[in-house]
């Protein structure tokens, strides 16, 4: 009976640890109508730089770490991959929207 209790305790600890193991990055929001109407070319360039910085941050934070070991034990690392993909997808969509807005507002070709 004591082996069963120990096994249950181990499963419980791994479940709790796995729940904390998935990395979170956040998301970049889609452009609102207010942003589209009010952003200047300079603000668009600044937002593009900020969004590229978000991508760099996600790529740096997604490098292998101790959390990955727990995630692999819990869900084979699928949660971390899904989280990274969703974060990058939101950033790439925002960059696409910002570049479209930049073209619509006939902004110069300053590097972002």
PDB file of N, CA and C in Angstrom:
ATOM      1  N   UNK A   1       0.809  -1.193   0.000  1.00  0.00           N
ATOM      2  CA  UNK A   1       0.000   0.000   0.000  1.00  0.00           C
ATOM      3  C   UNK A   1       0.862   1.270   0.000  1.00  0.00           C
ATOM      4  N   UNK A   2       2.016   1.219   0.662  1.00  0.00           N
ATOM      5  CA  UNK A   2       2.876   2.392   0.716  1.00  0.00           C
ATOM      6  C   UNK A   2       3.489   2.709  -0.644  1.00  0.00           C
ATOM      7  N   UNK A   3       3.717   1.692  -1.461  1.00  0.00           N
ATOM      8  CA  UNK A   3       4.230   1.946  -2.812  1.00  0.00           C
ATOM      9  C   UNK A   3       3.213   2.723  -3.633  1.00  0.00           C
ATOM     10  N   UNK A   4       1.959   2.412  -3.462  1.00  0.00           N
ATOM     11  CA  UNK A   4       0.896   3.108  -4.169  1.00  0.00           C
ATOM     12  C   UNK A   4       0.847   4.577  -3.759  1.00  0.00           C
ATOM     13  N   UNK A   5       1.029   4.846  -2.479  1.00  0.00           N
ATOM     14  CA  UNK A   5       1.037   6.217  -1.980  1.00  0.00           C
ATOM     15  C   UNK A   5       2.238   6.976  -2.547  1.00  0.00           C
ATOM     16  N   UNK A   6       3.392   6.335  -2.568  1.00  0.00           N
ATOM     17  CA  UNK A   6       4.596   6.968  -3.117  1.00  0.00           C
ATOM     18  C   UNK A   6       4.419   7.238  -4.607  1.00  0.00           C
ATOM     19  N   UNK A   7       3.865   6.275  -5.327  1.00  0.00           N
ATOM     20  CA  UNK A   7       3.620   6.456  -6.758  1.00  0.00           C
ATOM     21  C   UNK A   7       2.646   7.605  -7.001  1.00  0.00           C
ATOM     22  N   UNK A   8       1.604   7.680  -6.202  1.00  0.00           N
ATOM     23  CA  UNK A   8       0.631   8.769  -6.338  1.00  0.00           C
ATOM     24  C   UNK A   8       1.287  10.114  -6.054  1.00  0.00           C
ATOM     25  N   UNK A   9       2.172  10.150  -5.067  1.00  0.00           N
ATOM     26  CA  UNK A   9       2.867  11.397  -4.743  1.00  0.00           C
ATOM     27  C   UNK A   9       3.782  11.824  -5.888  1.00  0.00           C
ATOM     28  N   UNK A  10       4.485  10.864  -6.488  1.00  0.00           N
ATOM     29  CA  UNK A  10       5.373  11.175  -7.615  1.00  0.00           C
ATOM     30  C   UNK A  10       4.568  11.695  -8.799  1.00  0.00           C
ATOM     31  N   UNK A  11       3.462  11.048  -9.105  1.00  0.00           N
ATOM     32  CA  UNK A  11       2.608  11.498 -10.207  1.00  0.00           C
ATOM     33  C   UNK A  11       2.085  12.904  -9.924  1.00  0.00           C
ATOM     34  N   UNK A  12       1.709  13.162  -8.693  1.00  0.00           N
ATOM     35  CA  UNK A  12       1.228  14.490  -8.320  1.00  0.00           C
ATOM     36  C   UNK A  12       2.285  15.558  -8.486  1.00  0.00           C
ATOM     37  N   UNK A  13       3.496  15.265  -8.038  1.00  0.00           N
ATOM     38  CA  UNK A  13       4.598  16.230  -8.172  1.00  0.00           C
ATOM     39  C   UNK A  13       4.918  16.479  -9.636  1.00  0.00           C
ATOM     40  N   UNK A  14       4.972  15.418 -10.442  1.00  0.00           N
ATOM     41  CA  UNK A  14       5.247  15.598 -11.868  1.00  0.00           C
ATOM     42  C   UNK A  14       4.147  16.382 -12.552  1.00  0.00           C
ATOM     43  N   UNK A  15       2.901  16.169 -12.157  1.00  0.00           N
ATOM     44  CA  UNK A  15       1.784  16.909 -12.756  1.00  0.00           C
ATOM     45  C   UNK A  15       1.895  18.392 -12.447  1.00  0.00           C
ATOM     46  N   UNK A  16       2.204  18.712 -11.203  1.00  0.00           N
ATOM     47  CA  UNK A  16       2.363  20.117 -10.815  1.00  0.00           C
ATOM     48  C   UNK A  16       3.559  20.732 -11.523  1.00  0.00           C
ATOM     49  N   UNK A  17       4.679  20.021 -11.558  1.00  0.00           N
ATOM     50  CA  UNK A  17       5.885  20.537 -12.212  1.00  0.00           C
ATOM     51  C   UNK A  17       5.650  20.730 -13.699  1.00  0.00           C
ATOM     52  N   UNK A  18       4.953  19.797 -14.329  1.00  0.00           N
ATOM     53  CA  UNK A  18       4.688  19.902 -15.755  1.00  0.00           C
ATOM     54  C   UNK A  18       3.797  21.095 -16.053  1.00  0.00           C
ATOM     55  N   UNK A  19       2.847  21.367 -15.177  1.00  0.00           N
ATOM     56  CA  UNK A  19       1.966  22.508 -15.381  1.00  0.00           C
ATOM     57  C   UNK A  19       2.731  23.823 -15.410  1.00  0.00           C
ATOM     58  N   UNK A  20       3.828  23.877 -14.686  1.00  0.00           N
ATOM     59  CA  UNK A  20       4.655  25.078 -14.646  1.00  0.00           C
ATOM     60  C   UNK A  20       5.759  25.043 -15.695  1.00  0.00           C
ATOM     61  N   UNK A  21       5.897  23.932 -16.399  1.00  0.00           N
ATOM     62  CA  UNK A  21       7.035  23.756 -17.294  1.00  0.00           C
ATOM     63  C   UNK A  21       6.842  24.414 -18.650  1.00  0.00           C
ATOM     64  N   UNK A  22       5.632  24.568 -19.103  1.00  0.00           N
ATOM     65  CA  UNK A  22       5.408  25.158 -20.419  1.00  0.00           C
ATOM     66  C   UNK A  22       5.758  26.641 -20.377  1.00  0.00           C
ATOM     67  N   UNK A  23       6.598  27.052 -21.279  1.00  0.00           N
ATOM     68  CA  UNK A  23       7.004  28.449 -21.362  1.00  0.00           C
ATOM     69  C   UNK A  23       5.857  29.271 -21.935  1.00  0.00           C
ATOM     70  N   UNK A  24       5.763  30.514 -21.516  1.00  0.00           N
ATOM     71  CA  UNK A  24       4.766  31.423 -22.072  1.00  0.00           C
ATOM     72  C   UNK A  24       5.476  32.667 -22.578  1.00  0.00           C
ATOM     73  N   UNK A  25       5.038  33.151 -23.717  1.00  0.00           N
ATOM     74  CA  UNK A  25       5.685  34.291 -24.360  1.00  0.00           C
ATOM     75  C   UNK A  25       4.771  35.493 -24.521  1.00  0.00           C
ATOM     76  N   UNK A  26       3.483  35.292 -24.464  1.00  0.00           N
ATOM     77  CA  UNK A  26       2.555  36.374 -24.741  1.00  0.00           C
ATOM     78  C   UNK A  26       2.237  36.422 -26.225  1.00  0.00           C
ATOM     79  N   UNK A  27       1.474  37.391 -26.605  1.00  0.00           N
ATOM     80  CA  UNK A  27       1.075  37.550 -27.995  1.00  0.00           C
ATOM     81  C   UNK A  27       1.154  39.013 -28.386  1.00  0.00           C
ATOM     82  N   UNK A  28       1.350  39.251 -29.655  1.00  0.00           N
ATOM     83  CA  UNK A  28       1.256  40.587 -30.214  1.00  0.00           C
ATOM     84  C   UNK A  28      -0.179  40.763 -30.682  1.00  0.00           C
ATOM     85  N   UNK A  29      -0.768  41.884 -30.347  1.00  0.00           N
ATOM     86  CA  UNK A  29      -2.162  42.105 -30.720  1.00  0.00           C
ATOM     87  C   UNK A  29      -2.282  42.489 -32.190  1.00  0.00           C
ATOM     88  N   UNK A  30      -3.459  42.268 -32.735  1.00  0.00           N
ATOM     89  CA  UNK A  30      -3.715  42.702 -34.105  1.00  0.00           C
ATOM     90  C   UNK A  30      -3.907  44.222 -34.089  1.00  0.00           C
ATOM     91  N   UNK A  31      -3.671  44.835 -35.208  1.00  0.00           N
ATOM     92  CA  UNK A  31      -3.841  46.284 -35.294  1.00  0.00           C
ATOM     93  C   UNK A  31      -5.309  46.646 -35.169  1.00  0.00           C
ATOM     94  N   UNK A  32      -5.585  47.599 -34.325  1.00  0.00           N
ATOM     95  CA  UNK A  32      -6.961  48.074 -34.178  1.00  0.00           C
ATOM     96  C   UNK A  32      -7.241  49.130 -35.246  1.00  0.00           C
ATOM     97  N   UNK A  33      -8.505  49.427 -35.449  1.00  0.00           N
ATOM     98  CA  UNK A  33      -8.864  50.479 -36.405  1.00  0.00           C
ATOM     99  C   UNK A  33      -8.290  51.824 -35.953  1.00  0.00           C
ATOM    100  N   UNK A  34      -8.284  52.060 -34.645  1.00  0.00           N
ATOM    101  CA  UNK A  34      -7.720  53.312 -34.132  1.00  0.00           C
ATOM    102  C   UNK A  34      -6.238  53.418 -34.489  1.00  0.00           C
ATOM    103  N   UNK A  35      -5.499  52.332 -34.306  1.00  0.00           N
ATOM    104  CA  UNK A  35      -4.074  52.347 -34.656  1.00  0.00           C
ATOM    105  C   UNK A  35      -3.901  52.599 -36.149  1.00  0.00           C
ATOM    106  N   UNK A  36      -4.693  51.922 -36.947  1.00  0.00           N
ATOM    107  CA  UNK A  36      -4.577  52.098 -38.396  1.00  0.00           C
ATOM    108  C   UNK A  36      -4.843  53.539 -38.801  1.00  0.00           C
ATOM    109  N   UNK A  37      -5.813  54.179 -38.158  1.00  0.00           N
ATOM    110  CA  UNK A  37      -6.174  55.546 -38.509  1.00  0.00           C
ATOM    111  C   UNK A  37      -5.193  56.576 -37.964  1.00  0.00           C
ATOM    112  N   UNK A  38      -4.592  56.294 -36.813  1.00  0.00           N
ATOM    113  CA  UNK A  38      -3.836  57.349 -36.143  1.00  0.00           C
ATOM    114  C   UNK A  38      -2.316  57.198 -36.180  1.00  0.00           C
ATOM    115  N   UNK A  39      -1.800  56.031 -36.488  1.00  0.00           N
ATOM    116  CA  UNK A  39      -0.346  55.853 -36.452  1.00  0.00           C
ATOM    117  C   UNK A  39       0.345  56.644 -37.553  1.00  0.00           C
ATOM    118  N   UNK A  40       1.425  57.311 -37.165  1.00  0.00           N
ATOM    119  CA  UNK A  40       2.247  58.007 -38.146  1.00  0.00           C
ATOM    120  C   UNK A  40       3.280  57.019 -38.690  1.00  0.00           C
ATOM    121  N   UNK A  41       3.962  57.418 -39.728  1.00  0.00           N
ATOM    122  CA  UNK A  41       5.003  56.558 -40.308  1.00  0.00           C
ATOM    123  C   UNK A  41       6.082  56.238 -39.278  1.00  0.00           C
ATOM    124  N   UNK A  42       6.442  57.211 -38.476  1.00  0.00           N
ATOM    125  CA  UNK A  42       7.453  56.987 -37.437  1.00  0.00           C
ATOM    126  C   UNK A  42       6.954  55.971 -36.415  1.00  0.00           C
ATOM    127  N   UNK A  43       5.711  56.103 -36.019  1.00  0.00           N
ATOM    128  CA  UNK A  43       5.146  55.165 -35.048  1.00  0.00           C
ATOM    129  C   UNK A  43       5.064  53.750 -35.625  1.00  0.00           C
ATOM    130  N   UNK A  44       4.784  53.658 -36.894  1.00  0.00           N
ATOM    131  CA  UNK A  44       4.754  52.339 -37.554  1.00  0.00           C
ATOM    132  C   UNK A  44       6.150  51.716 -37.504  1.00  0.00           C
ATOM    133  N   UNK A  45       7.180  52.518 -37.834  1.00  0.00           N
ATOM    134  CA  UNK A  45       8.558  52.012 -37.792  1.00  0.00           C
ATOM    135  C   UNK A  45       8.949  51.581 -36.376  1.00  0.00           C
ATOM    136  N   UNK A  46       8.553  52.375 -35.371  1.00  0.00           N
ATOM    137  CA  UNK A  46       8.858  52.011 -33.988  1.00  0.00           C
ATOM    138  C   UNK A  46       8.155  50.710 -33.590  1.00  0.00           C
ATOM    139  N   UNK A  47       6.909  50.562 -34.015  1.00  0.00           N
ATOM    140  CA  UNK A  47       6.155  49.353 -33.696  1.00  0.00           C
ATOM    141  C   UNK A  47       6.747  48.138 -34.404  1.00  0.00           C
ATOM    142  N   UNK A  48       7.202  48.330 -35.635  1.00  0.00           N
ATOM    143  CA  UNK A  48       7.871  47.234 -36.343  1.00  0.00           C
ATOM    144  C   UNK A  48       9.133  46.799 -35.592  1.00  0.00           C
ATOM    145  N   UNK A  49       9.901  47.765 -35.130  1.00  0.00           N
ATOM    146  CA  UNK A  49      11.123  47.443 -34.373  1.00  0.00           C
ATOM    147  C   UNK A  49      10.771  46.706 -33.083  1.00  0.00           C
ATOM    148  N   UNK A  50       9.738  47.175 -32.404  1.00  0.00           N
ATOM    149  CA  UNK A  50       9.312  46.526 -31.159  1.00  0.00           C
ATOM    150  C   UNK A  50       8.858  45.091 -31.420  1.00  0.00           C
ATOM    151  N   UNK A  51       8.143  44.881 -32.497  1.00  0.00           N
ATOM    152  CA  UNK A  51       7.641  43.543 -32.818  1.00  0.00           C
ATOM    153  C   UNK A  51       8.785  42.620 -33.228  1.00  0.00           C
ATOM    154  N   UNK A  52       9.764  43.148 -33.954  1.00  0.00           N
ATOM    155  CA  UNK A  52      10.955  42.343 -34.272  1.00  0.00           C
ATOM    156  C   UNK A  52      11.706  41.987 -32.990  1.00  0.00           C
ATOM    157  N   UNK A  53      11.735  42.908 -32.025  1.00  0.00           N
ATOM    158  CA  UNK A  53      12.347  42.633 -30.733  1.00  0.00           C
ATOM    159  C   UNK A  53      11.613  41.528 -29.988  1.00  0.00           C
ATOM    160  N   UNK A  54      10.291  41.505 -30.106  1.00  0.00           N
ATOM    161  CA  UNK A  54       9.497  40.438 -29.498  1.00  0.00           C
ATOM    162  C   UNK A  54       9.878  39.090 -30.094  1.00  0.00           C
ATOM    163  N   UNK A  55      10.043  39.037 -31.407  1.00  0.00           N
ATOM    164  CA  UNK A  55      10.444  37.794 -32.079  1.00  0.00           C
ATOM    165  C   UNK A  55      11.818  37.345 -31.584  1.00  0.00           C
ATOM    166  N   UNK A  56      12.754  38.285 -31.480  1.00  0.00           N
ATOM    167  CA  UNK A  56      14.086  37.941 -30.967  1.00  0.00           C
ATOM    168  C   UNK A  56      14.001  37.386 -29.550  1.00  0.00           C
ATOM    169  N   UNK A  57      13.153  37.996 -28.722  1.00  0.00           N
ATOM    170  CA  UNK A  57      12.975  37.542 -27.341  1.00  0.00           C
ATOM    171  C   UNK A  57      12.420  36.116 -27.299  1.00  0.00           C
ATOM    172  N   UNK A  58      11.400  35.848 -28.113  1.00  0.00           N
ATOM    173  CA  UNK A  58      10.799  34.500 -28.152  1.00  0.00           C
ATOM    174  C   UNK A  58      11.850  33.488 -28.594  1.00  0.00           C
ATOM    175  N   UNK A  59      12.608  33.810 -29.625  1.00  0.00           N
ATOM    176  CA  UNK A  59      13.629  32.879 -30.102  1.00  0.00           C
ATOM    177  C   UNK A  59      14.695  32.627 -29.046  1.00  0.00           C
ATOM    178  N   UNK A  60      15.093  33.664 -28.315  1.00  0.00           N
ATOM    179  CA  UNK A  60      16.101  33.494 -27.266  1.00  0.00           C
ATOM    180  C   UNK A  60      15.548  32.671 -26.113  1.00  0.00           C
ATOM    181  N   UNK A  61      14.339  32.974 -25.672  1.00  0.00           N
ATOM    182  CA  UNK A  61      13.744  32.273 -24.539  1.00  0.00           C
ATOM    183  C   UNK A  61      13.383  30.828 -24.878  1.00  0.00           C
ATOM    184  N   UNK A  62      13.220  30.526 -26.145  1.00  0.00           N
ATOM    185  CA  UNK A  62      12.813  29.169 -26.527  1.00  0.00           C
ATOM    186  C   UNK A  62      14.003  28.213 -26.622  1.00  0.00           C
ATOM    187  N   UNK A  63      15.208  28.735 -26.391  1.00  0.00           N
ATOM    188  CA  UNK A  63      16.373  27.855 -26.384  1.00  0.00           C
ATOM    189  C   UNK A  63      16.232  26.848 -25.253  1.00  0.00           C
ATOM    190  N   UNK A  64      16.844  25.704 -25.392  1.00  0.00           N
ATOM    191  CA  UNK A  64      16.701  24.596 -24.442  1.00  0.00           C
ATOM    192  C   UNK A  64      17.111  25.022 -23.033  1.00  0.00           C
ATOM    193  N   UNK A  65      16.275  24.660 -22.046  1.00  0.00           N
ATOM    194  CA  UNK A  65      16.568  24.967 -20.650  1.00  0.00           C
ATOM    195  C   UNK A  65      16.026  23.853 -19.762  1.00  0.00           C
ATOM    196  N   UNK A  66      16.167  24.034 -18.471  1.00  0.00           N
ATOM    197  CA  UNK A  66      15.665  23.055 -17.513  1.00  0.00           C
ATOM    198  C   UNK A  66      14.163  22.861 -17.602  1.00  0.00           C
ATOM    199  N   UNK A  67      13.442  23.929 -17.944  1.00  0.00           N
ATOM    200  CA  UNK A  67      11.988  23.801 -18.107  1.00  0.00           C
ATOM    201  C   UNK A  67      11.653  22.822 -19.222  1.00  0.00           C
ATOM    202  N   UNK A  68      12.509  22.759 -20.231  1.00  0.00           N
ATOM    203  CA  UNK A  68      12.253  21.857 -21.343  1.00  0.00           C
ATOM    204  C   UNK A  68      12.284  20.394 -20.896  1.00  0.00           C
ATOM    205  N   UNK A  69      13.142  20.080 -19.941  1.00  0.00           N
ATOM    206  CA  UNK A  69      13.212  18.712 -19.442  1.00  0.00           C
ATOM    207  C   UNK A  69      11.873  18.330 -18.821  1.00  0.00           C
ATOM    208  N   UNK A  70      11.328  19.214 -17.985  1.00  0.00           N
ATOM    209  CA  UNK A  70      10.028  18.938 -17.369  1.00  0.00           C
ATOM    210  C   UNK A  70       8.921  18.870 -18.419  1.00  0.00           C
ATOM    211  N   UNK A  71       8.994  19.748 -19.411  1.00  0.00           N
ATOM    212  CA  UNK A  71       7.971  19.744 -20.460  1.00  0.00           C
ATOM    213  C   UNK A  71       8.029  18.462 -21.272  1.00  0.00           C
ATOM    214  N   UNK A  72       9.228  17.987 -21.540  1.00  0.00           N
ATOM    215  CA  UNK A  72       9.379  16.742 -22.297  1.00  0.00           C
ATOM    216  C   UNK A  72       8.817  15.578 -21.503  1.00  0.00           C
ATOM    217  N   UNK A  73       9.044  15.573 -20.187  1.00  0.00           N
ATOM    218  CA  UNK A  73       8.492  14.517 -19.339  1.00  0.00           C
ATOM    219  C   UNK A  73       6.967  14.576 -19.330  1.00  0.00           C
ATOM    220  N   UNK A  74       6.409  15.787 -19.364  1.00  0.00           N
ATOM    221  CA  UNK A  74       4.965  15.943 -19.255  1.00  0.00           C
ATOM    222  C   UNK A  74       4.220  15.767 -20.554  1.00  0.00           C
ATOM    223  N   UNK A  75       4.685  16.394 -21.601  1.00  0.00           N
ATOM    224  CA  UNK A  75       3.925  16.346 -22.861  1.00  0.00           C
ATOM    225  C   UNK A  75       4.834  16.246 -24.086  1.00  0.00           C
ATOM    226  N   UNK A  76       6.018  15.724 -23.884  1.00  0.00           N
ATOM    227  CA  UNK A  76       7.002  15.544 -24.956  1.00  0.00           C
ATOM    228  C   UNK A  76       7.423  16.869 -25.589  1.00  0.00           C
ATOM    229  N   UNK A  77       7.251  17.979 -24.864  1.00  0.00           N
ATOM    230  CA  UNK A  77       7.658  19.292 -25.360  1.00  0.00           C
ATOM    231  C   UNK A  77       6.683  19.925 -26.332  1.00  0.00           C
ATOM    232  N   UNK A  78       5.539  19.283 -26.542  1.00  0.00           N
ATOM    233  CA  UNK A  78       4.563  19.795 -27.512  1.00  0.00           C
ATOM    234  C   UNK A  78       4.022  21.150 -27.077  1.00  0.00           C
ATOM    235  N   UNK A  79       3.782  21.322 -25.773  1.00  0.00           N
ATOM    236  CA  UNK A  79       3.238  22.592 -25.275  1.00  0.00           C
ATOM    237  C   UNK A  79       4.151  23.759 -25.571  1.00  0.00           C
ATOM    238  N   UNK A  80       5.450  23.571 -25.360  1.00  0.00           N
ATOM    239  CA  UNK A  80       6.400  24.653 -25.642  1.00  0.00           C
ATOM    240  C   UNK A  80       6.437  24.990 -27.125  1.00  0.00           C
ATOM    241  N   UNK A  81       6.397  23.981 -27.972  1.00  0.00           N
ATOM    242  CA  UNK A  81       6.398  24.230 -29.418  1.00  0.00           C
ATOM    243  C   UNK A  81       5.139  24.952 -29.860  1.00  0.00           C
ATOM    244  N   UNK A  82       4.003  24.555 -29.305  1.00  0.00           N
ATOM    245  CA  UNK A  82       2.743  25.217 -29.653  1.00  0.00           C
ATOM    246  C   UNK A  82       2.748  26.666 -29.182  1.00  0.00           C
ATOM    247  N   UNK A  83       3.256  26.913 -27.979  1.00  0.00           N
ATOM    248  CA  UNK A  83       3.313  28.269 -27.433  1.00  0.00           C
ATOM    249  C   UNK A  83       4.222  29.151 -28.281  1.00  0.00           C
ATOM    250  N   UNK A  84       5.386  28.638 -28.649  1.00  0.00           N
ATOM    251  CA  UNK A  84       6.315  29.411 -29.477  1.00  0.00           C
ATOM    252  C   UNK A  84       5.688  29.713 -30.835  1.00  0.00           C
ATOM    253  N   UNK A  85       5.064  28.724 -31.448  1.00  0.00           N
ATOM    254  CA  UNK A  85       4.441  28.917 -32.760  1.00  0.00           C
ATOM    255  C   UNK A  85       3.353  29.978 -32.702  1.00  0.00           C
ATOM    256  N   UNK A  86       2.525  29.928 -31.675  1.00  0.00           N
ATOM    257  CA  UNK A  86       1.433  30.903 -31.550  1.00  0.00           C
ATOM    258  C   UNK A  86       1.983  32.314 -31.324  1.00  0.00           C
ATOM    259  N   UNK A  87       3.026  32.430 -30.513  1.00  0.00           N
ATOM    260  CA  UNK A  87       3.624  33.742 -30.253  1.00  0.00           C
ATOM    261  C   UNK A  87       4.230  34.323 -31.532  1.00  0.00           C
ATOM    262  N   UNK A  88       4.976  33.490 -32.263  1.00  0.00           N
ATOM    263  CA  UNK A  88       5.592  33.966 -33.504  1.00  0.00           C
ATOM    264  C   UNK A  88       4.554  34.275 -34.570  1.00  0.00           C
ATOM    265  N   UNK A  89       3.499  33.485 -34.615  1.00  0.00           N
ATOM    266  CA  UNK A  89       2.428  33.733 -35.581  1.00  0.00           C
ATOM    267  C   UNK A  89       1.776  35.086 -35.318  1.00  0.00           C
ATOM    268  N   UNK A  90       1.536  35.413 -34.045  1.00  0.00           N
ATOM    269  CA  UNK A  90       0.916  36.706 -33.722  1.00  0.00           C
ATOM    270  C   UNK A  90       1.850  37.857 -34.111  1.00  0.00           C
ATOM    271  N   UNK A  91       3.145  37.681 -33.895  1.00  0.00           N
ATOM    272  CA  UNK A  91       4.105  38.735 -34.249  1.00  0.00           C
ATOM    273  C   UNK A  91       4.219  38.893 -35.760  1.00  0.00           C
ATOM    274  N   UNK A  92       4.278  37.790 -36.472  1.00  0.00           N
ATOM    275  CA  UNK A  92       4.379  37.864 -37.932  1.00  0.00           C
ATOM    276  C   UNK A  92       3.137  38.487 -38.546  1.00  0.00           C
ATOM    277  N   UNK A  93       1.965  38.217 -37.975  1.00  0.00           N
ATOM    278  CA  UNK A  93       0.720  38.832 -38.466  1.00  0.00           C
ATOM    279  C   UNK A  93       0.762  40.339 -38.233  1.00  0.00           C
ATOM    280  N   UNK A  94       1.261  40.748 -37.057  1.00  0.00           N
ATOM    281  CA  UNK A  94       1.340  42.186 -36.775  1.00  0.00           C
ATOM    282  C   UNK A  94       2.323  42.866 -37.724  1.00  0.00           C
ATOM    283  N   UNK A  95       3.454  42.232 -37.986  1.00  0.00           N
ATOM    284  CA  UNK A  95       4.432  42.798 -38.922  1.00  0.00           C
ATOM    285  C   UNK A  95       3.814  42.927 -40.310  1.00  0.00           C
ATOM    286  N   UNK A  96       3.094  41.907 -40.730  1.00  0.00           N
ATOM    287  CA  UNK A  96       2.417  41.953 -42.029  1.00  0.00           C
ATOM    288  C   UNK A  96       1.430  43.119 -42.080  1.00  0.00           C
ATOM    289  N   UNK A  97       0.637  43.277 -41.023  1.00  0.00           N
ATOM    290  CA  UNK A  97      -0.336  44.372 -40.972  1.00  0.00           C
ATOM    291  C   UNK A  97       0.351  45.736 -40.931  1.00  0.00           C
ATOM    292  N   UNK A  98       1.431  45.841 -40.178  1.00  0.00           N
ATOM    293  CA  UNK A  98       2.158  47.114 -40.107  1.00  0.00           C
ATOM    294  C   UNK A  98       2.775  47.471 -41.455  1.00  0.00           C
ATOM    295  N   UNK A  99       3.325  46.490 -42.146  1.00  0.00           N
ATOM    296  CA  UNK A  99       3.896  46.757 -43.469  1.00  0.00           C
ATOM    297  C   UNK A  99       2.814  47.160 -44.466  1.00  0.00           C
ATOM    298  N   UNK A 100       1.643  46.541 -44.374  1.00  0.00           N
ATOM    299  CA  UNK A 100       0.530  46.930 -45.248  1.00  0.00           C
ATOM    300  C   UNK A 100       0.092  48.361 -44.943  1.00  0.00           C
ATOM    301  N   UNK A 101       0.028  48.704 -43.650  1.00  0.00           N
ATOM    302  CA  UNK A 101      -0.341  50.057 -43.255  1.00  0.00           C
ATOM    303  C   UNK A 101       0.702  51.062 -43.731  1.00  0.00           C
ATOM    304  N   UNK A 102       1.953  50.666 -43.634  1.00  0.00           N
ATOM    305  CA  UNK A 102       3.051  51.515 -44.093  1.00  0.00           C
ATOM    306  C   UNK A 102       2.903  51.818 -45.586  1.00  0.00           C
ATOM    307  N   UNK A 103       2.554  50.796 -46.352  1.00  0.00           N
ATOM    308  CA  UNK A 103       2.327  51.003 -47.790  1.00  0.00           C
ATOM    309  C   UNK A 103       1.106  51.864 -48.059  1.00  0.00           C
ATOM    310  N   UNK A 104       0.035  51.620 -47.302  1.00  0.00           N
ATOM    311  CA  UNK A 104      -1.202  52.390 -47.504  1.00  0.00           C
ATOM    312  C   UNK A 104      -0.986  53.864 -47.176  1.00  0.00           C
ATOM    313  N   UNK A 105      -0.152  54.141 -46.191  1.00  0.00           N
ATOM    314  CA  UNK A 105       0.118  55.528 -45.812  1.00  0.00           C
ATOM    315  C   UNK A 105       1.260  56.138 -46.609  1.00  0.00           C
ATOM    316  N   UNK A 106       1.812  55.346 -47.554  1.00  0.00           N
ATOM    317  CA  UNK A 106       2.896  55.803 -48.423  1.00  0.00           C
ATOM    318  C   UNK A 106       4.096  56.309 -47.639  1.00  0.00           C
ATOM    319  N   UNK A 107       4.457  55.511 -46.623  1.00  0.00           N
ATOM    320  CA  UNK A 107       5.628  55.844 -45.811  1.00  0.00           C
ATOM    321  C   UNK A 107       6.885  55.496 -46.614  1.00  0.00           C
ATOM    322  N   UNK A 108       7.959  56.187 -46.304  1.00  0.00           N
ATOM    323  CA  UNK A 108       9.237  55.893 -46.951  1.00  0.00           C
ATOM    324  C   UNK A 108       9.714  54.497 -46.591  1.00  0.00           C
ATOM    325  N   UNK A 109      10.783  54.093 -47.196  1.00  0.00           N
ATOM    326  CA  UNK A 109      11.287  52.737 -46.990  1.00  0.00           C
ATOM    327  C   UNK A 109      12.355  52.694 -45.909  1.00  0.00           C
ATOM    328  N   UNK A 110      12.078  53.320 -44.741  1.00  0.00           N
ATOM    329  CA  UNK A 110      13.037  53.260 -43.647  1.00  0.00           C
ATOM    330  C   UNK A 110      13.096  51.846 -43.114  1.00  0.00           C
ATOM    331  N   UNK A 111      14.285  51.435 -42.685  1.00  0.00           N
ATOM    332  CA  UNK A 111      14.472  50.065 -42.199  1.00  0.00           C
ATOM    333  C   UNK A 111      13.808  49.916 -40.838  1.00  0.00           C
ATOM    334  N   UNK A 112      13.207  48.737 -40.638  1.00  0.00           N
ATOM    335  CA  UNK A 112      12.560  48.459 -39.353  1.00  0.00           C
ATOM    336  C   UNK A 112      13.210  47.262 -38.724  1.00  0.00           C
TER     337      UNK A 112
END
